[in-house]
Amino acid sequence: MNERIQKLIEQATSTQGPTLYNPLTFEVFDKEKFAELLVRECAVYCEGHILPRGMAEENDLDYNDGIMDCAIGLKTIFGIE
C-alpha cells in the first residue's frame, strides 16, 4: 500500500478500551476522518500548483494545464496509475 495512504489510515485509527465492561483494547477506523484527511491532502497539493497569472501567460499555460498537472500529481503521490 502507498506510504501516504497508510499514514492517513493510521491518523484515522484510534485505540479504544479497556472499559469497565470490556477488558480488551481494540482499534477503531474512522471512515469520515480518513475521507477528510484525504481531501485535505489533495487540496493542499493542488493549492501548491497554482501559477501566478503572469507566469502562466509567459509560459503559454492555461487553466486546463494546471488541472491536468494537479490530477497527474495526485495519482503519482498516491501510487495510482
Protein backbone atom coordinates (compact mmCIF):
# COMPACT_ATOMS: atom_id res chain seq x y z
CA MET A 1 0.00 0.00 0.00
CA ASN A 2 1.18 3.52 -0.74
CA GLU A 3 3.04 5.09 2.19
CA ARG A 4 0.93 8.26 2.16
CA ILE A 5 -2.33 6.34 2.22
CA GLN A 6 -1.02 4.16 5.07
CA LYS A 7 -0.13 7.31 7.02
CA LEU A 8 -3.67 8.67 6.56
CA ILE A 9 -5.14 5.34 7.69
CA GLU A 10 -3.03 5.48 10.84
CA GLN A 11 -4.15 9.04 11.54
CA ALA A 12 -7.80 7.98 11.17
CA THR A 13 -7.40 5.00 13.51
CA SER A 14 -7.69 5.28 17.27
CA THR A 15 -7.19 2.82 20.09
CA GLN A 16 -10.09 2.31 22.48
CA GLY A 17 -10.58 0.32 25.64
CA PRO A 18 -10.37 -1.24 28.03
CA THR A 19 -13.64 -0.30 29.72
CA LEU A 20 -15.43 -1.46 32.81
CA TYR A 21 -17.44 -3.96 30.74
CA ASN A 22 -14.84 -4.90 28.14
CA PRO A 23 -11.24 -5.55 29.20
CA LEU A 24 -9.98 -5.65 25.61
CA THR A 25 -8.21 -2.90 23.72
CA PHE A 26 -9.12 -2.51 20.06
CA GLU A 27 -8.58 -0.18 17.11
CA VAL A 28 -11.37 1.83 15.53
CA PHE A 29 -11.08 3.15 11.97
CA ASP A 30 -12.94 6.43 11.42
CA LYS A 31 -14.01 6.48 7.74
CA GLU A 32 -15.17 10.09 7.88
CA LYS A 33 -11.87 11.27 9.37
CA PHE A 34 -9.95 9.31 6.71
CA ALA A 35 -12.02 10.94 3.94
CA GLU A 36 -11.46 14.39 5.45
CA LEU A 37 -7.70 13.83 5.75
CA LEU A 38 -7.54 12.58 2.16
CA VAL A 39 -9.45 15.56 0.79
CA ARG A 40 -7.31 17.99 2.82
CA GLU A 41 -4.10 16.40 1.50
CA CYS A 42 -5.38 16.66 -2.07
CA ALA A 43 -6.44 20.29 -1.60
CA VAL A 44 -3.05 21.28 -0.16
CA TYR A 45 -1.31 19.55 -3.06
CA CYS A 46 -3.45 21.31 -5.68
CA GLU A 47 -3.11 24.70 -3.98
CA GLY A 48 0.63 24.33 -4.36
CA HIS A 49 0.24 24.09 -8.14
CA ILE A 50 -1.46 27.45 -8.66
CA LEU A 51 0.63 29.56 -11.01
CA PRO A 52 0.63 33.34 -10.89
CA ARG A 53 -1.20 34.73 -13.93
CA GLY A 54 1.94 36.36 -15.31
CA MET A 55 3.96 33.15 -15.15
CA ALA A 56 1.15 31.22 -16.81
CA GLU A 57 0.89 33.77 -19.63
CA GLU A 58 4.67 33.84 -20.14
CA ASN A 59 4.76 30.05 -20.49
CA ASP A 60 1.60 29.85 -22.60
CA LEU A 61 -0.25 27.79 -19.97
CA ASP A 62 -3.95 27.85 -19.29
CA TYR A 63 -6.37 26.63 -16.64
CA ASN A 64 -6.59 23.11 -18.10
CA ASP A 65 -2.79 22.71 -17.90
CA GLY A 66 -2.92 23.38 -14.16
CA ILE A 67 -5.83 20.98 -13.63
CA MET A 68 -4.08 18.22 -15.58
CA ASP A 69 -0.82 18.78 -13.69
CA CYS A 70 -2.66 18.51 -10.38
CA ALA A 71 -4.51 15.35 -11.44
CA ILE A 72 -1.33 13.65 -12.62
CA GLY A 73 0.50 14.68 -9.46
CA LEU A 74 -2.24 13.33 -7.18
CA LYS A 75 -2.20 9.99 -8.96
CA THR A 76 1.57 9.87 -8.60
CA ILE A 77 1.76 10.68 -4.89
CA PHE A 78 -0.94 8.14 -4.05
CA GLY A 79 0.54 5.46 -6.31
CA ILE A 80 -2.39 5.22 -8.72
CA GLU A 81 -1.81 4.58 -12.42
